[in-house]
Amino acid sequence: MAQVYRNLIGGKWVEAASGQTFADTNPANTEEVLGRFPRSDARDVDAAARAAAAAVER
């Protein structure tokens, strides 16, 4: 089974707001799934931007 990755937002590993992932495959062997990655959307980008802004303010 392929490793499932998450987003690092505000110092915490979190799933995408959508709850969805996508598989990334080895380009030399498309049968080999390298991992499942978050299908991030605007909500994740907003959360990351807010966390970054808060970190700069500290």
PDB file of N, CA and C in Angstrom:
ATOM      1  N   MET A   1       0.843  -1.186   0.000  1.00  0.00           N
ATOM      2  CA  MET A   1       0.000   0.000   0.000  1.00  0.00           C
ATOM      3  C   MET A   1       0.887   1.248   0.000  1.00  0.00           C
ATOM      4  N   ALA A   2       0.514   2.214  -0.786  1.00  0.00           N
ATOM      5  CA  ALA A   2       1.288   3.451  -0.916  1.00  0.00           C
ATOM      6  C   ALA A   2       1.111   4.329   0.317  1.00  0.00           C
ATOM      7  N   GLN A   3       2.155   5.058   0.640  1.00  0.00           N
ATOM      8  CA  GLN A   3       2.100   5.989   1.767  1.00  0.00           C
ATOM      9  C   GLN A   3       1.148   7.129   1.431  1.00  0.00           C
ATOM     10  N   VAL A   4       0.383   7.563   2.433  1.00  0.00           N
ATOM     11  CA  VAL A   4      -0.526   8.696   2.272  1.00  0.00           C
ATOM     12  C   VAL A   4       0.122   9.908   2.928  1.00  0.00           C
ATOM     13  N   TYR A   5       0.260  10.976   2.168  1.00  0.00           N
ATOM     14  CA  TYR A   5       0.884  12.203   2.651  1.00  0.00           C
ATOM     15  C   TYR A   5      -0.187  13.218   3.031  1.00  0.00           C
ATOM     16  N   ARG A   6       0.197  14.212   3.823  1.00  0.00           N
ATOM     17  CA  ARG A   6      -0.715  15.270   4.245  1.00  0.00           C
ATOM     18  C   ARG A   6      -0.059  16.622   4.010  1.00  0.00           C
ATOM     19  N   ASN A   7      -0.838  17.671   4.187  1.00  0.00           N
ATOM     20  CA  ASN A   7      -0.324  19.043   4.113  1.00  0.00           C
ATOM     21  C   ASN A   7       0.243  19.439   5.469  1.00  0.00           C
ATOM     22  N   LEU A   8       1.320  20.201   5.462  1.00  0.00           N
ATOM     23  CA  LEU A   8       1.865  20.773   6.697  1.00  0.00           C
ATOM     24  C   LEU A   8       1.388  22.219   6.770  1.00  0.00           C
ATOM     25  N   ILE A   9       0.435  22.474   7.661  1.00  0.00           N
ATOM     26  CA  ILE A   9      -0.148  23.808   7.807  1.00  0.00           C
ATOM     27  C   ILE A   9      -0.114  24.182   9.282  1.00  0.00           C
ATOM     28  N   GLY A  10       0.527  25.290   9.576  1.00  0.00           N
ATOM     29  CA  GLY A  10       0.595  25.756  10.959  1.00  0.00           C
ATOM     30  C   GLY A  10       1.322  24.793  11.881  1.00  0.00           C
ATOM     31  N   GLY A  11       2.291  24.077  11.339  1.00  0.00           N
ATOM     32  CA  GLY A  11       3.074  23.143  12.144  1.00  0.00           C
ATOM     33  C   GLY A  11       2.388  21.811  12.408  1.00  0.00           C
ATOM     34  N   LYS A  12       1.251  21.569  11.760  1.00  0.00           N
ATOM     35  CA  LYS A  12       0.516  20.310  11.948  1.00  0.00           C
ATOM     36  C   LYS A  12       0.293  19.643  10.596  1.00  0.00           C
ATOM     37  N   TRP A  13       0.363  18.318  10.590  1.00  0.00           N
ATOM     38  CA  TRP A  13       0.077  17.553   9.383  1.00  0.00           C
ATOM     39  C   TRP A  13      -1.430  17.352   9.308  1.00  0.00           C
ATOM     40  N   VAL A  14      -2.051  17.861   8.255  1.00  0.00           N
ATOM     41  CA  VAL A  14      -3.507  17.798   8.126  1.00  0.00           C
ATOM     42  C   VAL A  14      -3.897  17.280   6.744  1.00  0.00           C
ATOM     43  N   GLU A  15      -5.063  16.643   6.694  1.00  0.00           N
ATOM     44  CA  GLU A  15      -5.616  16.212   5.415  1.00  0.00           C
ATOM     45  C   GLU A  15      -6.114  17.429   4.652  1.00  0.00           C
ATOM     46  N   ALA A  16      -6.296  17.285   3.366  1.00  0.00           N
ATOM     47  CA  ALA A  16      -6.878  18.357   2.564  1.00  0.00           C
ATOM     48  C   ALA A  16      -8.299  18.616   3.051  1.00  0.00           C
ATOM     49  N   ALA A  17      -8.734  19.864   2.967  1.00  0.00           N
ATOM     50  CA  ALA A  17     -10.088  20.221   3.389  1.00  0.00           C
ATOM     51  C   ALA A  17     -11.132  19.406   2.626  1.00  0.00           C
ATOM     52  N   SER A  18     -10.826  19.054   1.395  1.00  0.00           N
ATOM     53  CA  SER A  18     -11.751  18.265   0.569  1.00  0.00           C
ATOM     54  C   SER A  18     -11.842  16.817   1.036  1.00  0.00           C
ATOM     55  N   GLY A  19     -10.823  16.368   1.792  1.00  0.00           N
ATOM     56  CA  GLY A  19     -10.770  14.971   2.204  1.00  0.00           C
ATOM     57  C   GLY A  19     -10.317  14.042   1.089  1.00  0.00           C
ATOM     58  N   GLN A  20      -9.985  14.608  -0.065  1.00  0.00           N
ATOM     59  CA  GLN A  20      -9.608  13.801  -1.221  1.00  0.00           C
ATOM     60  C   GLN A  20      -8.094  13.715  -1.371  1.00  0.00           C
ATOM     61  N   THR A  21      -7.652  12.626  -2.009  1.00  0.00           N
ATOM     62  CA  THR A  21      -6.245  12.444  -2.352  1.00  0.00           C
ATOM     63  C   THR A  21      -6.157  12.013  -3.814  1.00  0.00           C
ATOM     64  N   PHE A  22      -4.933  12.052  -4.342  1.00  0.00           N
ATOM     65  CA  PHE A  22      -4.696  11.520  -5.684  1.00  0.00           C
ATOM     66  C   PHE A  22      -3.427  10.687  -5.643  1.00  0.00           C
ATOM     67  N   ALA A  23      -3.362   9.691  -6.514  1.00  0.00           N
ATOM     68  CA  ALA A  23      -2.196   8.817  -6.587  1.00  0.00           C
ATOM     69  C   ALA A  23      -1.185   9.399  -7.564  1.00  0.00           C
ATOM     70  N   ASP A  24       0.084   9.358  -7.182  1.00  0.00           N
ATOM     71  CA  ASP A  24       1.175   9.749  -8.079  1.00  0.00           C
ATOM     72  C   ASP A  24       1.954   8.484  -8.400  1.00  0.00           C
ATOM     73  N   THR A  25       2.239   8.288  -9.675  1.00  0.00           N
ATOM     74  CA  THR A  25       2.901   7.063 -10.100  1.00  0.00           C
ATOM     75  C   THR A  25       4.318   7.328 -10.591  1.00  0.00           C
ATOM     76  N   ASN A  26       5.095   6.286 -10.591  1.00  0.00           N
ATOM     77  CA  ASN A  26       6.459   6.308 -11.112  1.00  0.00           C
ATOM     78  C   ASN A  26       6.377   6.480 -12.631  1.00  0.00           C
ATOM     79  N   PRO A  27       6.987   7.524 -13.201  1.00  0.00           N
ATOM     80  CA  PRO A  27       6.898   7.715 -14.650  1.00  0.00           C
ATOM     81  C   PRO A  27       7.562   6.591 -15.448  1.00  0.00           C
ATOM     82  N   ALA A  28       8.494   5.887 -14.840  1.00  0.00           N
ATOM     83  CA  ALA A  28       9.156   4.776 -15.524  1.00  0.00           C
ATOM     84  C   ALA A  28       8.352   3.483 -15.413  1.00  0.00           C
ATOM     85  N   ASN A  29       7.418   3.445 -14.470  1.00  0.00           N
ATOM     86  CA  ASN A  29       6.578   2.264 -14.266  1.00  0.00           C
ATOM     87  C   ASN A  29       5.239   2.745 -13.719  1.00  0.00           C
ATOM     88  N   THR A  30       4.319   3.055 -14.600  1.00  0.00           N
ATOM     89  CA  THR A  30       3.049   3.656 -14.180  1.00  0.00           C
ATOM     90  C   THR A  30       2.167   2.720 -13.361  1.00  0.00           C
ATOM     91  N   GLU A  31       2.566   1.481 -13.230  1.00  0.00           N
ATOM     92  CA  GLU A  31       1.841   0.545 -12.359  1.00  0.00           C
ATOM     93  C   GLU A  31       2.239   0.758 -10.893  1.00  0.00           C
ATOM     94  N   GLU A  32       3.383   1.408 -10.669  1.00  0.00           N
ATOM     95  CA  GLU A  32       3.899   1.614  -9.314  1.00  0.00           C
ATOM     96  C   GLU A  32       3.411   2.955  -8.757  1.00  0.00           C
ATOM     97  N   VAL A  33       2.583   2.881  -7.739  1.00  0.00           N
ATOM     98  CA  VAL A  33       2.095   4.092  -7.076  1.00  0.00           C
ATOM     99  C   VAL A  33       3.126   4.505  -6.032  1.00  0.00           C
ATOM    100  N   LEU A  34       3.645   5.724  -6.164  1.00  0.00           N
ATOM    101  CA  LEU A  34       4.664   6.224  -5.240  1.00  0.00           C
ATOM    102  C   LEU A  34       4.056   6.718  -3.938  1.00  0.00           C
ATOM    103  N   GLY A  35       2.846   7.223  -4.016  1.00  0.00           N
ATOM    104  CA  GLY A  35       2.185   7.733  -2.817  1.00  0.00           C
ATOM    105  C   GLY A  35       0.848   8.350  -3.173  1.00  0.00           C
ATOM    106  N   ARG A  36       0.070   8.646  -2.135  1.00  0.00           N
ATOM    107  CA  ARG A  36      -1.200   9.349  -2.301  1.00  0.00           C
ATOM    108  C   ARG A  36      -1.025  10.710  -1.646  1.00  0.00           C
ATOM    109  N   PHE A  37      -1.394  11.753  -2.378  1.00  0.00           N
ATOM    110  CA  PHE A  37      -1.151  13.125  -1.952  1.00  0.00           C
ATOM    111  C   PHE A  37      -2.467  13.882  -1.821  1.00  0.00           C
ATOM    112  N   PRO A  38      -2.505  14.905  -0.939  1.00  0.00           N
ATOM    113  CA  PRO A  38      -3.740  15.650  -0.738  1.00  0.00           C
ATOM    114  C   PRO A  38      -4.170  16.390  -2.007  1.00  0.00           C
ATOM    115  N   ARG A  39      -5.454  16.328  -2.286  1.00  0.00           N
ATOM    116  CA  ARG A  39      -6.010  17.139  -3.379  1.00  0.00           C
ATOM    117  C   ARG A  39      -6.460  18.452  -2.750  1.00  0.00           C
ATOM    118  N   SER A  40      -5.490  19.334  -2.566  1.00  0.00           N
ATOM    119  CA  SER A  40      -5.718  20.605  -1.878  1.00  0.00           C
ATOM    120  C   SER A  40      -6.520  21.555  -2.758  1.00  0.00           C
ATOM    121  N   ASP A  41      -7.252  22.447  -2.097  1.00  0.00           N
ATOM    122  CA  ASP A  41      -8.014  23.456  -2.830  1.00  0.00           C
ATOM    123  C   ASP A  41      -7.810  24.816  -2.157  1.00  0.00           C
ATOM    124  N   ALA A  42      -8.610  25.782  -2.530  1.00  0.00           N
ATOM    125  CA  ALA A  42      -8.460  27.153  -2.024  1.00  0.00           C
ATOM    126  C   ALA A  42      -8.555  27.219  -0.501  1.00  0.00           C
ATOM    127  N   ARG A  43      -9.339  26.345   0.104  1.00  0.00           N
ATOM    128  CA  ARG A  43      -9.451  26.352   1.573  1.00  0.00           C
ATOM    129  C   ARG A  43      -8.112  26.023   2.223  1.00  0.00           C
ATOM    130  N   ASP A  44      -7.381  25.089   1.637  1.00  0.00           N
ATOM    131  CA  ASP A  44      -6.067  24.720   2.171  1.00  0.00           C
ATOM    132  C   ASP A  44      -5.061  25.849   1.973  1.00  0.00           C
ATOM    133  N   VAL A  45      -5.126  26.491   0.813  1.00  0.00           N
ATOM    134  CA  VAL A  45      -4.229  27.621   0.540  1.00  0.00           C
ATOM    135  C   VAL A  45      -4.508  28.753   1.526  1.00  0.00           C
ATOM    136  N   ASP A  46      -5.785  29.049   1.765  1.00  0.00           N
ATOM    137  CA  ASP A  46      -6.145  30.103   2.722  1.00  0.00           C
ATOM    138  C   ASP A  46      -5.644  29.769   4.127  1.00  0.00           C
ATOM    139  N   ALA A  47      -5.820  28.512   4.547  1.00  0.00           N
ATOM    140  CA  ALA A  47      -5.363  28.096   5.877  1.00  0.00           C
ATOM    141  C   ALA A  47      -3.845  28.225   5.986  1.00  0.00           C
ATOM    142  N   ALA A  48      -3.130  27.841   4.940  1.00  0.00           N
ATOM    143  CA  ALA A  48      -1.668  27.942   4.949  1.00  0.00           C
ATOM    144  C   ALA A  48      -1.227  29.403   4.982  1.00  0.00           C
ATOM    145  N   ALA A  49      -1.910  30.254   4.225  1.00  0.00           N
ATOM    146  CA  ALA A  49      -1.555  31.680   4.210  1.00  0.00           C
ATOM    147  C   ALA A  49      -1.819  32.321   5.571  1.00  0.00           C
ATOM    148  N   ARG A  50      -2.942  31.968   6.201  1.00  0.00           N
ATOM    149  CA  ARG A  50      -3.241  32.500   7.542  1.00  0.00           C
ATOM    150  C   ARG A  50      -2.200  32.033   8.554  1.00  0.00           C
ATOM    151  N   ALA A  51      -1.816  30.761   8.484  1.00  0.00           N
ATOM    152  CA  ALA A  51      -0.811  30.227   9.408  1.00  0.00           C
ATOM    153  C   ALA A  51       0.539  30.903   9.190  1.00  0.00           C
ATOM    154  N   ALA A  52       0.900  31.142   7.943  1.00  0.00           N
ATOM    155  CA  ALA A  52       2.173  31.806   7.650  1.00  0.00           C
ATOM    156  C   ALA A  52       2.158  33.246   8.150  1.00  0.00           C
ATOM    157  N   ALA A  53       1.056  33.944   7.942  1.00  0.00           N
ATOM    158  CA  ALA A  53       0.946  35.331   8.409  1.00  0.00           C
ATOM    159  C   ALA A  53       1.036  35.393   9.930  1.00  0.00           C
ATOM    160  N   ALA A  54       0.394  34.450  10.608  1.00  0.00           N
ATOM    161  CA  ALA A  54       0.444  34.416  12.070  1.00  0.00           C
ATOM    162  C   ALA A  54       1.862  34.141  12.555  1.00  0.00           C
ATOM    163  N   ALA A  55       2.592  33.283  11.847  1.00  0.00           N
ATOM    164  CA  ALA A  55       3.969  32.969  12.238  1.00  0.00           C
ATOM    165  C   ALA A  55       4.877  34.182  12.076  1.00  0.00           C
ATOM    166  N   VAL A  56       4.654  34.976  11.043  1.00  0.00           N
ATOM    167  CA  VAL A  56       5.468  36.168  10.806  1.00  0.00           C
ATOM    168  C   VAL A  56       5.208  37.214  11.887  1.00  0.00           C
ATOM    169  N   GLU A  57       3.972  37.287  12.356  1.00  0.00           N
ATOM    170  CA  GLU A  57       3.602  38.278  13.372  1.00  0.00           C
ATOM    171  C   GLU A  57       4.219  37.985  14.735  1.00  0.00           C
ATOM    172  N   ARG A  58       4.616  36.726  14.976  1.00  0.00           N
ATOM    173  CA  ARG A  58       5.171  36.354  16.289  1.00  0.00           C
ATOM    174  C   ARG A  58       6.507  36.941  16.518  1.00  0.00           C
TER     175      ARG A  58
END
